[in-house]
Protein backbone atom coordinates (compact mmCIF):
# COMPACT_ATOMS: atom_id res chain seq x y z
CA UNK A 1 84.94 64.60 62.32
CA UNK A 2 87.43 64.73 65.29
CA UNK A 3 86.89 62.71 68.39
CA UNK A 4 85.29 64.69 71.26
CA UNK A 5 87.71 65.83 73.95
CA UNK A 6 88.34 63.40 76.87
CA UNK A 7 86.70 64.39 80.09
CA UNK A 8 89.03 66.22 82.35
CA UNK A 9 90.19 63.89 85.30
CA UNK A 10 89.74 64.42 89.04
CA UNK A 11 92.92 64.12 91.12
CA UNK A 12 92.14 62.60 94.57
CA UNK A 13 94.86 63.37 97.03
CA UNK A 14 94.97 60.68 99.71
CA UNK A 15 96.36 61.87 103.08
CA UNK A 16 95.34 60.36 106.44
CA UNK A 17 92.38 58.43 104.88
CA UNK A 18 94.04 55.26 103.35
CA UNK A 19 90.68 53.47 102.68
CA UNK A 20 88.00 53.12 99.99
CA UNK A 21 84.89 52.90 102.10
CA UNK A 22 83.47 55.95 103.75
CA UNK A 23 85.95 58.17 101.88
CA UNK A 24 84.14 61.37 101.00
CA UNK A 25 86.74 62.73 98.57
CA UNK A 26 87.07 59.49 96.61
CA UNK A 27 83.24 59.09 96.60
CA UNK A 28 82.65 62.66 95.35
CA UNK A 29 85.33 62.02 92.53
CA UNK A 30 83.53 58.87 91.52
CA UNK A 31 80.18 60.51 91.59
CA UNK A 32 81.57 63.25 89.32
CA UNK A 33 81.87 60.64 86.53
CA UNK A 34 85.32 61.53 85.26
CA UNK A 35 88.61 59.58 85.19
CA UNK A 36 90.09 59.43 88.68
CA UNK A 37 93.74 59.96 89.50
CA UNK A 38 94.53 58.64 93.04
CA UNK A 39 97.84 60.14 94.58
CA UNK A 40 99.76 60.08 97.74
CA UNK A 41 102.62 62.41 98.75
CA UNK A 42 105.25 61.66 101.32
CA UNK A 43 106.06 65.12 102.98
CA UNK A 44 108.92 64.72 105.33
CA UNK A 45 110.02 68.37 104.91
CA UNK A 46 106.60 69.93 105.35
CA UNK A 47 105.80 67.95 108.51
CA UNK A 48 109.11 69.05 110.13
CA UNK A 49 109.65 67.64 113.52
CA UNK A 50 106.33 65.71 113.23
CA UNK A 51 107.20 63.64 110.07
CA UNK A 52 106.33 59.91 110.84
CA UNK A 53 108.46 58.11 113.30
CA UNK A 54 109.99 54.73 112.83
CA UNK A 55 106.95 52.61 113.82
CA UNK A 56 104.60 54.77 111.85
CA UNK A 57 106.68 54.53 108.79
CA UNK A 58 106.60 50.82 108.95
CA UNK A 59 102.76 50.94 109.20
CA UNK A 60 102.51 53.46 106.46
CA UNK A 61 104.35 51.06 104.04
CA UNK A 62 101.74 48.33 104.69
CA UNK A 63 98.77 50.75 104.51
CA UNK A 64 99.94 52.18 101.18
CA UNK A 65 100.56 48.59 99.76
CA UNK A 66 97.05 47.60 100.86
CA UNK A 67 95.55 50.70 99.40
CA UNK A 68 97.26 50.15 96.06
CA UNK A 69 96.00 46.54 95.85
CA UNK A 70 92.42 47.68 96.63
CA UNK A 71 92.46 50.43 93.96
CA UNK A 72 93.68 47.88 91.35
CA UNK A 73 90.66 45.66 92.07
CA UNK A 74 88.65 48.66 90.92
CA UNK A 75 90.54 49.38 87.79
CA UNK A 76 92.76 52.12 89.13
CA UNK A 77 96.18 52.48 90.81
CA UNK A 78 97.89 54.71 93.42
CA UNK A 79 100.50 57.17 92.11
CA UNK A 80 103.24 58.00 94.74
CA UNK A 81 105.42 61.06 94.95
CA UNK A 82 107.77 62.54 97.53
CA UNK A 83 108.38 66.18 98.41
CA UNK A 84 106.27 69.32 98.76
CA UNK A 85 102.77 68.39 98.04
CA UNK A 86 102.03 71.53 96.11
CA UNK A 87 104.87 70.93 93.64
CA UNK A 88 103.91 67.24 93.17
CA UNK A 89 100.20 68.11 92.62
CA UNK A 90 101.14 70.78 90.02
CA UNK A 91 103.26 68.10 88.07
CA UNK A 92 100.38 65.55 88.08
CA UNK A 93 97.85 68.22 87.01
CA UNK A 94 100.13 69.17 84.10
CA UNK A 95 100.50 65.65 82.99
CA UNK A 96 96.91 64.52 83.39
CA UNK A 97 94.99 67.61 82.49
CA UNK A 98 92.87 67.24 85.69
CA UNK A 99 90.66 70.21 86.39
CA UNK A 100 89.76 69.24 89.94
CA UNK A 101 91.58 68.15 93.11
CA UNK A 102 89.69 66.61 96.02
CA UNK A 103 91.09 65.63 99.38
CA UNK A 104 90.00 64.88 102.91
CA UNK A 105 91.13 67.43 105.64
CA UNK A 106 93.84 67.05 108.26
CA UNK A 107 94.03 69.13 111.32
CA UNK A 108 97.74 69.22 112.34
CA UNK A 109 98.83 72.92 112.33
CA UNK A 110 101.45 72.54 109.58
CA UNK A 111 98.85 70.51 107.41
CA UNK A 112 96.28 73.24 107.77
CA UNK A 113 98.70 75.95 106.70
CA UNK A 114 99.86 73.85 103.79
CA UNK A 115 96.37 73.15 102.58
CA UNK A 116 95.43 76.78 102.64
CA UNK A 117 98.44 77.57 100.47
CA UNK A 118 97.68 74.80 97.97
CA UNK A 119 93.97 75.78 97.85
CA UNK A 120 94.65 79.37 97.14
CA UNK A 121 97.18 78.51 94.42
CA UNK A 122 94.98 76.03 92.63
CA UNK A 123 91.86 78.25 92.73
CA UNK A 124 93.88 81.10 91.20
CA UNK A 125 94.44 78.85 88.22
CA UNK A 126 90.75 77.90 88.02
CA UNK A 127 91.18 74.42 89.47
CA UNK A 128 88.23 73.10 91.32
CA UNK A 129 89.16 72.33 94.92
CA UNK A 130 86.94 70.39 97.35
CA UNK A 131 87.89 69.40 100.81
CA UNK A 132 85.94 67.02 103.07
CA UNK A 133 85.68 65.99 106.70
CA UNK A 134 86.44 62.39 106.77
CA UNK A 135 88.14 61.16 110.01
CA UNK A 136 86.18 62.63 112.92
CA UNK A 137 82.64 62.60 114.15
CA UNK A 138 82.56 66.42 114.40
CA UNK A 139 84.43 69.10 112.52
CA UNK A 140 86.93 70.70 114.89
CA UNK A 141 85.93 74.31 115.42
CA UNK A 142 82.29 73.70 115.00
CA UNK A 143 81.55 72.87 118.59
CA UNK A 144 81.90 75.83 121.07
CA UNK A 145 80.63 76.65 124.52
CA UNK A 146 77.59 78.91 125.05
CA UNK A 147 79.98 81.90 125.21
CA UNK A 148 81.74 80.91 121.93
CA UNK A 149 84.94 79.60 123.63
CA UNK A 150 86.59 76.24 122.99
CA UNK A 151 85.79 73.56 125.39
CA UNK A 152 88.58 72.64 127.78
CA UNK A 153 86.70 70.09 129.88
CA UNK A 154 85.78 66.73 128.39
CA UNK A 155 82.49 66.06 130.02
CA UNK A 156 80.49 69.15 128.67
CA UNK A 157 82.36 68.72 125.30
CA UNK A 158 81.12 65.13 125.07
CA UNK A 159 77.61 65.99 126.01
CA UNK A 160 77.41 68.63 123.46
CA UNK A 161 78.81 66.34 120.71
CA UNK A 162 76.35 63.59 121.63
CA UNK A 163 73.47 66.06 121.56
CA UNK A 164 74.15 67.53 118.09
CA UNK A 165 75.81 64.66 116.23
CA UNK A 166 74.00 62.10 114.16
CA UNK A 167 76.11 59.19 113.11
CA UNK A 168 74.87 57.59 109.99
CA UNK A 169 76.37 54.61 107.95
CA UNK A 170 79.41 55.44 105.99
CA UNK A 171 79.69 55.99 102.16
CA UNK A 172 80.17 52.86 100.10
CA UNK A 173 83.37 52.22 98.25
CA UNK A 174 83.23 52.95 94.55
CA UNK A 175 82.53 49.71 92.59
CA UNK A 176 84.87 50.84 89.90
CA UNK A 177 87.13 53.85 89.27
CA UNK A 178 87.65 55.07 85.58
CA UNK A 179 91.27 55.34 84.99
CA UNK A 180 93.30 57.79 83.01
CA UNK A 181 94.39 56.55 79.61
CA UNK A 182 97.97 57.49 80.33
CA UNK A 183 98.53 57.89 84.04
CA UNK A 184 101.76 59.66 85.19
CA UNK A 185 104.71 57.78 86.63
CA UNK A 186 105.30 57.72 90.31
CA UNK A 187 107.82 56.54 92.93
CA UNK A 188 108.08 52.91 93.88
CA UNK A 189 107.01 52.26 97.40
CA UNK A 190 110.23 50.36 98.16
CA UNK A 191 112.32 53.37 97.13
CA UNK A 192 111.02 55.26 100.17
CA UNK A 193 112.64 52.74 102.52
CA UNK A 194 109.82 53.06 105.05
CA UNK A 195 110.65 49.61 106.43
CA UNK A 196 113.72 48.99 108.50
CA UNK A 197 116.45 46.91 107.01
CA UNK A 198 119.66 46.86 109.01
CA UNK A 199 118.80 46.23 111.68
CA UNK A 200 115.38 44.85 111.07
CA UNK A 201 113.55 45.62 114.33
CA UNK A 202 110.04 45.07 113.09
CA UNK A 203 109.51 41.50 113.62
CA UNK A 204 107.27 42.12 116.59
CA UNK A 205 105.26 44.59 114.49
CA UNK A 206 104.81 42.06 111.73
CA UNK A 207 103.60 39.39 114.09
CA UNK A 208 101.03 41.65 115.85
CA UNK A 209 99.62 43.88 113.13
CA UNK A 210 97.81 43.70 109.77
CA UNK A 211 97.90 47.27 108.22
CA UNK A 212 95.38 48.12 105.68
CA UNK A 213 91.59 48.48 105.33
CA UNK A 214 90.84 44.78 105.15
CA UNK A 215 92.75 44.12 108.40
CA UNK A 216 91.01 47.14 110.01
CA UNK A 217 87.55 45.93 109.17
CA UNK A 218 88.34 42.43 110.38
CA UNK A 219 89.78 43.83 113.69
CA UNK A 220 86.53 45.90 114.09
CA UNK A 221 84.25 43.08 113.53
CA UNK A 222 86.24 40.86 115.96
CA UNK A 223 86.15 43.60 118.71
CA UNK A 224 82.43 44.17 118.32
CA UNK A 225 81.53 40.54 118.22
CA UNK A 226 83.66 39.23 121.09
CA UNK A 227 85.39 41.78 123.24
CA UNK A 228 83.09 44.84 123.40
CA UNK A 229 80.45 43.50 125.85
CA UNK A 230 83.14 43.13 128.54
CA UNK A 231 85.11 46.30 127.67
CA UNK A 232 84.00 48.25 130.67
CA UNK A 233 85.62 45.80 132.98
CA UNK A 234 88.54 44.40 131.01
CA UNK A 235 89.81 47.59 129.37
CA UNK A 236 92.06 48.35 132.35
CA UNK A 237 93.59 44.90 132.55
CA UNK A 238 96.75 44.70 130.47
CA UNK A 239 97.16 41.05 130.96
CA UNK A 240 93.96 40.26 128.98
CA UNK A 241 92.91 41.12 125.42
CA UNK A 242 90.31 43.54 126.56
CA UNK A 243 90.81 46.63 124.29
CA UNK A 244 89.90 47.28 120.61
CA UNK A 245 93.49 47.87 119.26
CA UNK A 246 91.85 49.86 116.61
CA UNK A 247 93.96 53.06 117.34
CA UNK A 248 96.46 52.59 114.48
CA UNK A 249 93.75 51.81 111.95
CA UNK A 250 91.92 54.96 113.02
CA UNK A 251 95.11 56.92 112.86
CA UNK A 252 95.86 56.01 109.31
CA UNK A 253 92.28 56.37 108.17
CA UNK A 254 91.88 52.61 107.37
CA UNK A 255 88.69 53.08 109.41
CA UNK A 256 86.70 56.25 109.89
CA UNK A 257 85.28 57.17 113.34
CA UNK A 258 81.85 57.02 111.69
CA UNK A 259 82.38 53.45 110.57
CA UNK A 260 83.54 52.42 114.08
CA UNK A 261 80.50 54.13 115.74
CA UNK A 262 78.06 52.65 113.34
CA UNK A 263 79.35 49.16 113.93
CA UNK A 264 79.26 49.65 117.64
CA UNK A 265 75.72 50.87 117.51
CA UNK A 266 74.71 48.11 115.22
CA UNK A 267 75.96 45.62 117.78
CA UNK A 268 74.10 47.40 120.42
CA UNK A 269 70.83 47.39 118.54
CA UNK A 270 71.13 43.56 118.10
CA UNK A 271 71.08 43.47 121.93
CA UNK A 272 68.48 46.02 122.43
CA UNK A 273 66.11 43.53 124.21
CA UNK A 274 68.59 43.34 127.11
CA UNK A 275 69.80 46.81 127.05
CA UNK A 276 73.25 48.13 126.01
CA UNK A 277 76.16 46.57 127.92
CA UNK A 278 78.16 49.32 129.80
CA UNK A 279 81.15 48.49 127.58
CA UNK A 280 79.46 50.14 124.59
CA UNK A 281 78.96 53.48 126.16
CA UNK A 282 82.47 53.27 127.67
CA UNK A 283 84.07 52.65 124.29
CA UNK A 284 82.09 55.40 122.57
CA UNK A 285 83.53 57.67 125.24
CA UNK A 286 86.95 56.68 124.15
CA UNK A 287 86.14 57.84 120.68
CA UNK A 288 85.05 61.07 122.29
CA UNK A 289 88.40 61.60 123.94
CA UNK A 290 89.92 61.23 120.36
CA UNK A 291 87.57 63.88 119.12
CA UNK A 292 88.42 66.10 122.17
CA UNK A 293 92.08 65.88 121.48
CA UNK A 294 91.60 67.06 117.89
CA UNK A 295 89.36 69.87 119.14
CA UNK A 296 92.19 70.97 121.47
CA UNK A 297 94.86 70.73 118.69
CA UNK A 298 92.59 72.75 116.37
CA UNK A 299 92.07 75.54 118.83
CA UNK A 300 95.59 75.40 120.40
CA UNK A 301 98.05 74.73 117.62
CA UNK A 302 100.99 74.97 120.07
CA UNK A 303 99.63 71.90 122.01
CA UNK A 304 102.52 69.59 120.88
CA UNK A 305 105.22 72.03 122.10
CA UNK A 306 103.70 74.20 124.88
CA UNK A 307 101.73 73.50 128.03
CA UNK A 308 98.20 74.79 127.96
CA UNK A 309 98.63 75.98 131.54
CA UNK A 310 101.12 78.87 131.18
CA UNK A 311 102.45 78.52 134.75
CA UNK A 312 104.12 75.20 133.78
CA UNK A 313 106.78 77.25 131.99
CA UNK A 314 108.20 77.65 135.53
CA UNK A 315 108.13 73.95 136.40
CA UNK A 316 111.50 72.82 137.73
CA UNK A 317 112.26 69.81 135.39
CA UNK A 318 115.37 67.80 136.14
CA UNK A 319 116.82 66.63 132.81
CA UNK A 320 118.51 63.30 133.36
CA UNK A 321 119.65 61.29 130.26
CA UNK A 322 120.55 58.24 132.22
CA UNK A 323 117.10 58.09 133.86
CA UNK A 324 115.41 58.62 130.53
CA UNK A 325 117.39 55.90 128.89
CA UNK A 326 116.41 53.54 131.63
CA UNK A 327 112.74 54.46 131.17
CA UNK A 328 113.02 53.94 127.37
CA UNK A 329 114.65 50.56 127.70
CA UNK A 330 112.40 49.21 130.39
CA UNK A 331 115.10 49.09 133.03
CA UNK A 332 113.56 51.25 135.78
CA UNK A 333 113.20 48.52 138.38
CA UNK A 334 109.41 48.95 138.44
CA UNK A 335 107.89 45.80 136.68
CA UNK A 336 104.69 47.32 135.36
CA UNK A 337 106.51 50.31 133.94
CA UNK A 338 109.37 48.24 132.33
CA UNK A 339 106.72 45.73 131.03
CA UNK A 340 104.91 48.61 129.19
CA UNK A 341 108.09 50.02 127.73
CA UNK A 342 109.19 46.62 126.51
CA UNK A 343 105.70 45.96 125.05
CA UNK A 344 106.11 49.29 123.21
CA UNK A 345 109.53 48.49 121.72
CA UNK A 346 108.45 45.07 120.62
CA UNK A 347 105.06 45.65 119.21
CA UNK A 348 104.72 49.39 118.53
CA UNK A 349 101.84 49.66 120.97
CA UNK A 350 101.09 49.76 124.75
CA UNK A 351 98.01 49.10 126.65
CA UNK A 352 96.22 52.34 127.54
CA UNK A 353 96.19 51.93 131.37
CA UNK A 354 99.95 51.20 131.23
CA UNK A 355 100.48 54.31 129.08
CA UNK A 356 99.24 56.37 131.85
CA UNK A 357 101.40 54.55 134.39
CA UNK A 358 104.61 54.90 132.44
CA UNK A 359 103.89 58.60 131.58
CA UNK A 360 103.20 59.40 135.21
CA UNK A 361 106.51 57.74 136.23
CA UNK A 362 108.55 59.65 133.71
CA UNK A 363 107.01 63.02 134.36
CA UNK A 364 106.45 62.81 138.18
CA UNK A 365 108.69 60.15 139.63
CA UNK A 366 111.73 61.09 137.38
CA UNK A 367 110.77 64.76 136.73
CA UNK A 368 111.53 64.59 133.06
CA UNK A 369 109.73 66.98 130.76
CA UNK A 370 106.50 65.61 129.20
CA UNK A 371 107.75 66.39 125.82
CA UNK A 372 110.53 63.81 126.26
CA UNK A 373 107.88 61.06 126.58
CA UNK A 374 105.72 62.52 123.83
CA UNK A 375 108.75 62.46 121.44
CA UNK A 376 109.51 58.84 122.38
CA UNK A 377 106.05 57.75 121.90
CA UNK A 378 105.94 59.51 118.50
CA UNK A 379 108.78 57.44 117.17
CA UNK A 380 107.91 54.12 118.72
CA UNK A 381 103.98 53.89 118.48
CA UNK A 382 102.27 52.58 115.36
CA UNK A 383 99.38 54.77 116.48
CA UNK A 384 101.39 57.87 117.01
CA UNK A 385 98.88 60.74 116.63
CA UNK A 386 99.80 64.34 117.12
CA UNK A 387 96.53 65.31 118.70
CA UNK A 388 95.99 62.36 121.03
CA UNK A 389 99.74 62.09 121.88
CA UNK A 390 100.09 65.66 122.79
CA UNK A 391 96.80 65.98 124.69
CA UNK A 392 97.43 62.79 126.59
CA UNK A 393 100.94 63.57 127.73
CA UNK A 394 99.71 66.98 128.85
CA UNK A 395 96.69 65.44 130.69
CA UNK A 396 99.04 63.13 132.73
CA UNK A 397 101.49 65.89 133.40
CA UNK A 398 98.69 68.05 134.74
CA UNK A 399 99.45 70.96 132.47
CA UNK A 400 96.75 70.35 129.72
CA UNK A 401 93.04 70.66 129.44
CA UNK A 402 90.92 68.75 131.85
CA UNK A 403 94.20 67.52 133.20
CA UNK A 404 94.78 65.07 136.05
CA UNK A 405 95.27 66.95 139.28
CA UNK A 406 98.89 67.76 139.98
CA UNK A 407 98.74 65.71 143.18
CA UNK A 408 97.72 62.59 141.28
CA UNK A 409 101.03 60.63 141.16
CA UNK A 410 100.42 56.94 140.07
CA UNK A 411 102.10 54.52 142.45
CA UNK A 412 103.57 51.97 139.91
CA UNK A 413 103.69 49.09 142.36
CA UNK A 414 100.00 49.62 143.50
CA UNK A 415 98.88 50.10 139.93
CA UNK A 416 100.54 46.81 138.82
CA UNK A 417 98.96 44.98 141.79
CA UNK A 418 95.49 46.39 141.01
CA UNK A 419 95.40 45.94 137.38
CA UNK A 420 97.69 42.92 136.85
CA UNK A 421 97.09 41.10 140.08
CA UNK A 422 98.34 37.73 138.97
CA UNK A 423 101.26 39.37 137.06
CA UNK A 424 100.33 37.91 133.66
CA UNK A 425 101.31 41.12 131.85
CA UNK A 426 104.61 41.54 133.72
CA UNK A 427 105.60 37.89 133.23
CA UNK A 428 104.99 38.04 129.55
CA UNK A 429 107.25 41.09 129.02
CA UNK A 430 109.84 40.60 131.84
CA UNK A 431 110.56 36.83 131.59
CA UNK A 432 113.33 37.17 134.06
CA UNK A 433 110.73 37.70 136.73
CA UNK A 434 108.35 35.00 135.60
CA UNK A 435 108.98 32.62 138.41
CA UNK A 436 108.37 35.14 141.21
CA UNK A 437 105.31 34.66 143.48
CA UNK A 438 102.28 36.77 142.68
CA UNK A 439 102.75 38.62 145.90
CA UNK A 440 106.06 40.19 144.99
CA UNK A 441 106.10 40.18 141.16
CA UNK A 442 105.23 43.88 141.13
CA UNK A 443 107.80 44.62 143.82
CA UNK A 444 110.71 42.18 143.46
CA UNK A 445 112.81 44.25 145.83
CA UNK A 446 110.48 43.13 148.72
CA UNK A 447 110.95 39.46 147.95
CA UNK A 448 112.58 37.05 150.50
CA UNK A 449 116.08 35.99 149.57
CA UNK A 450 114.81 32.48 149.24
CA UNK A 451 112.14 33.41 146.84
CA UNK A 452 114.65 35.34 144.77
CA UNK A 453 116.97 32.29 144.69
CA UNK A 454 114.33 29.81 143.77
CA UNK A 455 113.11 32.16 141.04
CA UNK A 456 116.55 32.67 139.73
CA UNK A 457 116.53 36.38 140.23
CA UNK A 458 119.58 38.33 141.20
CA UNK A 459 118.44 41.86 141.75
CA UNK A 460 120.82 44.43 140.30
CA UNK A 461 122.11 41.82 137.91
CA UNK A 462 119.30 39.92 136.16
CA UNK A 463 116.81 42.65 136.86
CA UNK A 464 117.54 46.24 138.18
CA UNK A 465 116.77 47.68 141.59
CA UNK A 466 114.38 50.66 141.47
CA UNK A 467 116.17 53.75 139.95
CA UNK A 468 114.16 55.99 142.35
CA UNK A 469 112.27 55.54 145.65
CA UNK A 470 108.61 56.21 144.74
CA UNK A 471 107.74 57.75 148.04
CA UNK A 472 110.74 60.12 147.86
CA UNK A 473 110.00 60.80 144.24
CA UNK A 474 106.38 61.66 144.96
CA UNK A 475 107.28 64.08 147.58
CA UNK A 476 109.74 65.77 145.26
CA UNK A 477 107.13 66.00 142.50
CA UNK A 478 104.58 67.56 144.95
CA UNK A 479 107.13 70.10 146.05
CA UNK A 480 107.84 70.99 142.39
CA UNK A 481 104.10 71.48 141.72
CA UNK A 482 103.82 73.57 144.88
CA UNK A 483 106.66 75.76 143.54
CA UNK A 484 104.71 76.69 140.40
CA UNK A 485 101.49 77.16 142.29
CA UNK A 486 103.06 79.90 144.44
CA UNK A 487 104.09 81.75 141.28
């Protein structure tokens, strides 16, 4: 008597969900009870202009390395492939004899189009396809206004999401994954050259971040246990550790929004006798802004390239490569702006309050197109996220949904004085200004000559003079906005 045929395997396609816990596609494959083939595809060509930037590629290497180690502890392994996802999946199906492909959805326009093509092709061949919502609290497209239109203002969107969404605990990680007897070969992670070599500019990233699910969970526990209660007051202070720094872990799916929400509520429940600290509700609202950004990208797929407000097509931008380079390098002469850009270059991250300040400065003080800033952030942020990045830049520019009023032009000096009053943040990232008195550290051009001499600062030599006069730049920006308002 011949042996019974082996059960056909389930191919699990990891995308932006590089974790084992609360992973619906992986969990469903495990419940199916067949051998599981975990795979990951690097799709530079399919993503086009939105393939991962330099900082994201560095993080991706660490995240995939951690995922591979986690899978091995459960008796499995991660198979890597590069190229068009449909072709790689076809090859793995042919080798393994798998009869089902499971994955968690992504919402970038190019990814949605790709998934539709792959789903149709697989179903024509009789392959079972299952796609899951894994990374968001609410499926984009499922939340509409009473008239059936997409929300374009955050507050009613958030109220609607809170009213209809119950957030339960995430799915457990499979204790063991039955492997294929002869899994296919894959690429080596090193062969993808995701990490920089010559020059190696990633030392600051290595010293600040721990990619992977284990690092993400540790960071979440630390935030919930020590930082969350004071979040409402410290989140705007770049000189203190007052934010979650969970954004890259969420972006790469090392944590799901559900896991974060559940941990935050669990922390709140432990304090139920004294009521929820305001920081908890404030942080949950930040998760809501992430949801809102994906909602916008889903309904407005041109969000990364085109202003939501069509009149901005007439905006009189003033392209200036010299000014843009000064902004990128943290050499504008405005300390809070320069500190933010240097933090970004060194660590792959920037404090959220400072992100708004530097974005306003580029768009409104320098009149550079918001896409110039979005593209720079895309390449340099470890949490570069197409939905959040695009929606946030349009918000600051005044051309997006629920956007900041056009006349709101951040004064970088006053912003620095308000949110970094002792100059801790500026002194950390601009050491050449470290010895200036608090009163002038955010406006060194106003310092007395004696203070500059004692502090060892030569304006225009050690640190630049402002590249624009803010008052003049603000007036110019308001005139430009008035131009498009007139039509």
